[in-house]
Amino acid sequence: MQVNIAKIKGLMAEHGETQQDLARVLGCSVTTVGNYMTSKSVMRVDDVGKIAVHYEVSPLDLLKKTEA
């Protein structure tokens, strides 16, 4: 499964947060978050978990559903 970047961007917009805010949540650089958002880097599993906790959603909500 892949991370649903559009879902994360939507949550960021709903909460009025920027990539800089998300970088603080993840404890990483803004560049790293930017790379995640443009799919230049694959998001780490623990970062998906941190985002889920921050936005109070299930980690599964942040994953793309794939057809079998």
N, C-alpha and C. Protein backbone atom coordinates (compact mmCIF):
# COMPACT_ATOMS: atom_id res chain seq x y z
N MET A 1 0.85 -1.19 0.00
CA MET A 1 0.00 0.00 0.00
C MET A 1 0.88 1.24 0.00
N GLN A 2 0.32 2.29 -0.55
CA GLN A 2 1.03 3.55 -0.60
C GLN A 2 0.34 4.56 0.30
N VAL A 3 1.10 5.56 0.71
CA VAL A 3 0.55 6.63 1.53
C VAL A 3 -0.31 7.53 0.65
N ASN A 4 -1.47 7.92 1.17
CA ASN A 4 -2.39 8.80 0.46
C ASN A 4 -2.01 10.25 0.78
N ILE A 5 -1.13 10.79 -0.04
CA ILE A 5 -0.63 12.16 0.19
C ILE A 5 -1.76 13.17 0.10
N ALA A 6 -2.71 12.95 -0.81
CA ALA A 6 -3.84 13.87 -0.94
C ALA A 6 -4.64 13.95 0.36
N LYS A 7 -4.80 12.83 1.03
CA LYS A 7 -5.52 12.80 2.31
C LYS A 7 -4.76 13.62 3.36
N ILE A 8 -3.44 13.46 3.40
CA ILE A 8 -2.63 14.21 4.36
C ILE A 8 -2.69 15.70 4.06
N LYS A 9 -2.60 16.06 2.79
CA LYS A 9 -2.70 17.47 2.40
C LYS A 9 -4.06 18.03 2.80
N GLY A 10 -5.12 17.22 2.63
CA GLY A 10 -6.45 17.66 3.03
C GLY A 10 -6.56 17.89 4.52
N LEU A 11 -5.98 16.99 5.30
CA LEU A 11 -5.98 17.17 6.76
C LEU A 11 -5.19 18.40 7.17
N MET A 12 -4.08 18.63 6.50
CA MET A 12 -3.28 19.82 6.78
C MET A 12 -4.11 21.07 6.51
N ALA A 13 -4.81 21.10 5.37
CA ALA A 13 -5.63 22.25 5.02
C ALA A 13 -6.77 22.46 6.01
N GLU A 14 -7.44 21.36 6.40
CA GLU A 14 -8.53 21.44 7.37
C GLU A 14 -8.08 22.05 8.68
N HIS A 15 -6.85 21.78 9.08
CA HIS A 15 -6.32 22.26 10.35
C HIS A 15 -5.50 23.53 10.20
N GLY A 16 -5.43 24.06 8.99
CA GLY A 16 -4.69 25.30 8.75
C GLY A 16 -3.20 25.15 9.01
N GLU A 17 -2.67 23.97 8.70
CA GLU A 17 -1.25 23.70 8.97
C GLU A 17 -0.43 23.69 7.69
N THR A 18 0.83 24.01 7.84
CA THR A 18 1.76 24.06 6.73
C THR A 18 2.73 22.88 6.80
N GLN A 19 3.56 22.76 5.79
CA GLN A 19 4.60 21.74 5.81
C GLN A 19 5.55 21.97 6.98
N GLN A 20 5.76 23.21 7.34
CA GLN A 20 6.62 23.51 8.49
C GLN A 20 5.99 22.97 9.78
N ASP A 21 4.69 23.12 9.92
CA ASP A 21 3.99 22.57 11.09
C ASP A 21 4.13 21.05 11.14
N LEU A 22 3.95 20.41 9.99
CA LEU A 22 4.05 18.96 9.93
C LEU A 22 5.48 18.50 10.22
N ALA A 23 6.45 19.27 9.77
CA ALA A 23 7.85 18.94 10.05
C ALA A 23 8.10 18.94 11.56
N ARG A 24 7.51 19.88 12.27
CA ARG A 24 7.66 19.92 13.73
C ARG A 24 7.04 18.68 14.37
N VAL A 25 5.87 18.28 13.87
CA VAL A 25 5.20 17.09 14.39
C VAL A 25 6.07 15.85 14.19
N LEU A 26 6.68 15.76 13.01
CA LEU A 26 7.47 14.58 12.66
C LEU A 26 8.90 14.64 13.20
N GLY A 27 9.34 15.82 13.59
CA GLY A 27 10.71 15.97 14.06
C GLY A 27 11.71 15.84 12.92
N CYS A 28 11.34 16.37 11.76
CA CYS A 28 12.22 16.31 10.59
C CYS A 28 12.28 17.69 9.94
N SER A 29 12.99 17.78 8.83
CA SER A 29 13.12 19.06 8.14
C SER A 29 11.92 19.31 7.23
N VAL A 30 11.72 20.57 6.89
CA VAL A 30 10.68 20.96 5.95
C VAL A 30 10.98 20.34 4.59
N THR A 31 12.25 20.22 4.25
CA THR A 31 12.65 19.60 2.99
C THR A 31 12.17 18.15 2.93
N THR A 32 12.31 17.42 4.03
CA THR A 32 11.85 16.04 4.08
C THR A 32 10.34 15.97 3.86
N VAL A 33 9.60 16.83 4.52
CA VAL A 33 8.14 16.86 4.35
C VAL A 33 7.80 17.20 2.90
N GLY A 34 8.50 18.16 2.34
CA GLY A 34 8.28 18.52 0.93
C GLY A 34 8.52 17.35 0.00
N ASN A 35 9.57 16.58 0.30
CA ASN A 35 9.85 15.39 -0.50
C ASN A 35 8.76 14.34 -0.35
N TYR A 36 8.21 14.21 0.84
CA TYR A 36 7.08 13.30 1.05
C TYR A 36 5.88 13.77 0.22
N MET A 37 5.59 15.07 0.27
CA MET A 37 4.41 15.61 -0.39
C MET A 37 4.48 15.54 -1.91
N THR A 38 5.68 15.51 -2.46
CA THR A 38 5.86 15.42 -3.92
C THR A 38 6.24 14.01 -4.35
N SER A 39 6.19 13.08 -3.40
CA SER A 39 6.53 11.67 -3.65
C SER A 39 7.96 11.46 -4.13
N LYS A 40 8.84 12.38 -3.79
CA LYS A 40 10.26 12.20 -4.09
C LYS A 40 10.90 11.23 -3.09
N SER A 41 10.29 11.13 -1.92
CA SER A 41 10.74 10.20 -0.88
C SER A 41 9.55 9.40 -0.39
N VAL A 42 9.82 8.17 0.00
CA VAL A 42 8.77 7.32 0.56
C VAL A 42 8.66 7.62 2.05
N MET A 43 7.44 7.86 2.50
CA MET A 43 7.22 8.20 3.90
C MET A 43 7.47 6.98 4.78
N ARG A 44 8.15 7.21 5.88
CA ARG A 44 8.43 6.14 6.84
C ARG A 44 7.16 5.74 7.57
N VAL A 45 7.09 4.48 7.93
CA VAL A 45 5.91 3.96 8.63
C VAL A 45 5.68 4.70 9.94
N ASP A 46 6.73 4.97 10.68
CA ASP A 46 6.54 5.67 11.96
C ASP A 46 6.04 7.10 11.75
N ASP A 47 6.41 7.72 10.62
CA ASP A 47 5.90 9.06 10.33
C ASP A 47 4.41 9.02 10.01
N VAL A 48 3.96 7.98 9.32
CA VAL A 48 2.52 7.81 9.06
C VAL A 48 1.79 7.70 10.40
N GLY A 49 2.37 6.95 11.32
CA GLY A 49 1.77 6.81 12.65
C GLY A 49 1.71 8.13 13.40
N LYS A 50 2.76 8.91 13.33
CA LYS A 50 2.78 10.22 14.01
C LYS A 50 1.72 11.15 13.43
N ILE A 51 1.58 11.12 12.10
CA ILE A 51 0.57 11.97 11.45
C ILE A 51 -0.83 11.53 11.88
N ALA A 52 -1.05 10.22 11.92
CA ALA A 52 -2.36 9.70 12.34
C ALA A 52 -2.70 10.14 13.76
N VAL A 53 -1.75 10.04 14.65
CA VAL A 53 -1.97 10.47 16.04
C VAL A 53 -2.26 11.97 16.08
N HIS A 54 -1.47 12.74 15.35
CA HIS A 54 -1.62 14.20 15.35
C HIS A 54 -3.02 14.62 14.88
N TYR A 55 -3.50 13.97 13.81
CA TYR A 55 -4.80 14.34 13.26
C TYR A 55 -5.95 13.48 13.80
N GLU A 56 -5.63 12.60 14.74
CA GLU A 56 -6.63 11.75 15.38
C GLU A 56 -7.42 10.92 14.36
N VAL A 57 -6.68 10.27 13.46
CA VAL A 57 -7.27 9.36 12.48
C VAL A 57 -6.54 8.03 12.57
N SER A 58 -7.12 7.02 11.96
CA SER A 58 -6.46 5.72 11.90
C SER A 58 -5.33 5.77 10.89
N PRO A 59 -4.20 5.13 11.18
CA PRO A 59 -3.13 5.06 10.17
C PRO A 59 -3.63 4.49 8.84
N LEU A 60 -4.60 3.57 8.89
CA LEU A 60 -5.14 3.00 7.66
C LEU A 60 -5.86 4.05 6.81
N ASP A 61 -6.38 5.10 7.45
CA ASP A 61 -7.03 6.18 6.70
C ASP A 61 -6.03 6.96 5.84
N LEU A 62 -4.76 6.82 6.15
CA LEU A 62 -3.73 7.57 5.42
C LEU A 62 -3.09 6.75 4.32
N LEU A 63 -3.64 5.57 4.08
CA LEU A 63 -3.11 4.70 3.03
C LEU A 63 -4.08 4.62 1.86
N LYS A 64 -3.53 4.47 0.65
CA LYS A 64 -4.35 4.29 -0.53
C LYS A 64 -4.85 2.86 -0.59
N LYS A 65 -6.10 2.73 -0.94
CA LYS A 65 -6.66 1.40 -1.12
C LYS A 65 -6.27 0.93 -2.53
N THR A 66 -5.78 -0.29 -2.64
CA THR A 66 -5.40 -0.82 -3.94
C THR A 66 -6.35 -1.95 -4.32
N GLU A 67 -6.55 -2.07 -5.61
CA GLU A 67 -7.41 -3.14 -6.12
C GLU A 67 -6.66 -4.46 -6.06
N ALA A 68 -7.33 -5.53 -5.71
CA ALA A 68 -6.71 -6.86 -5.62
C ALA A 68 -6.50 -7.48 -6.99
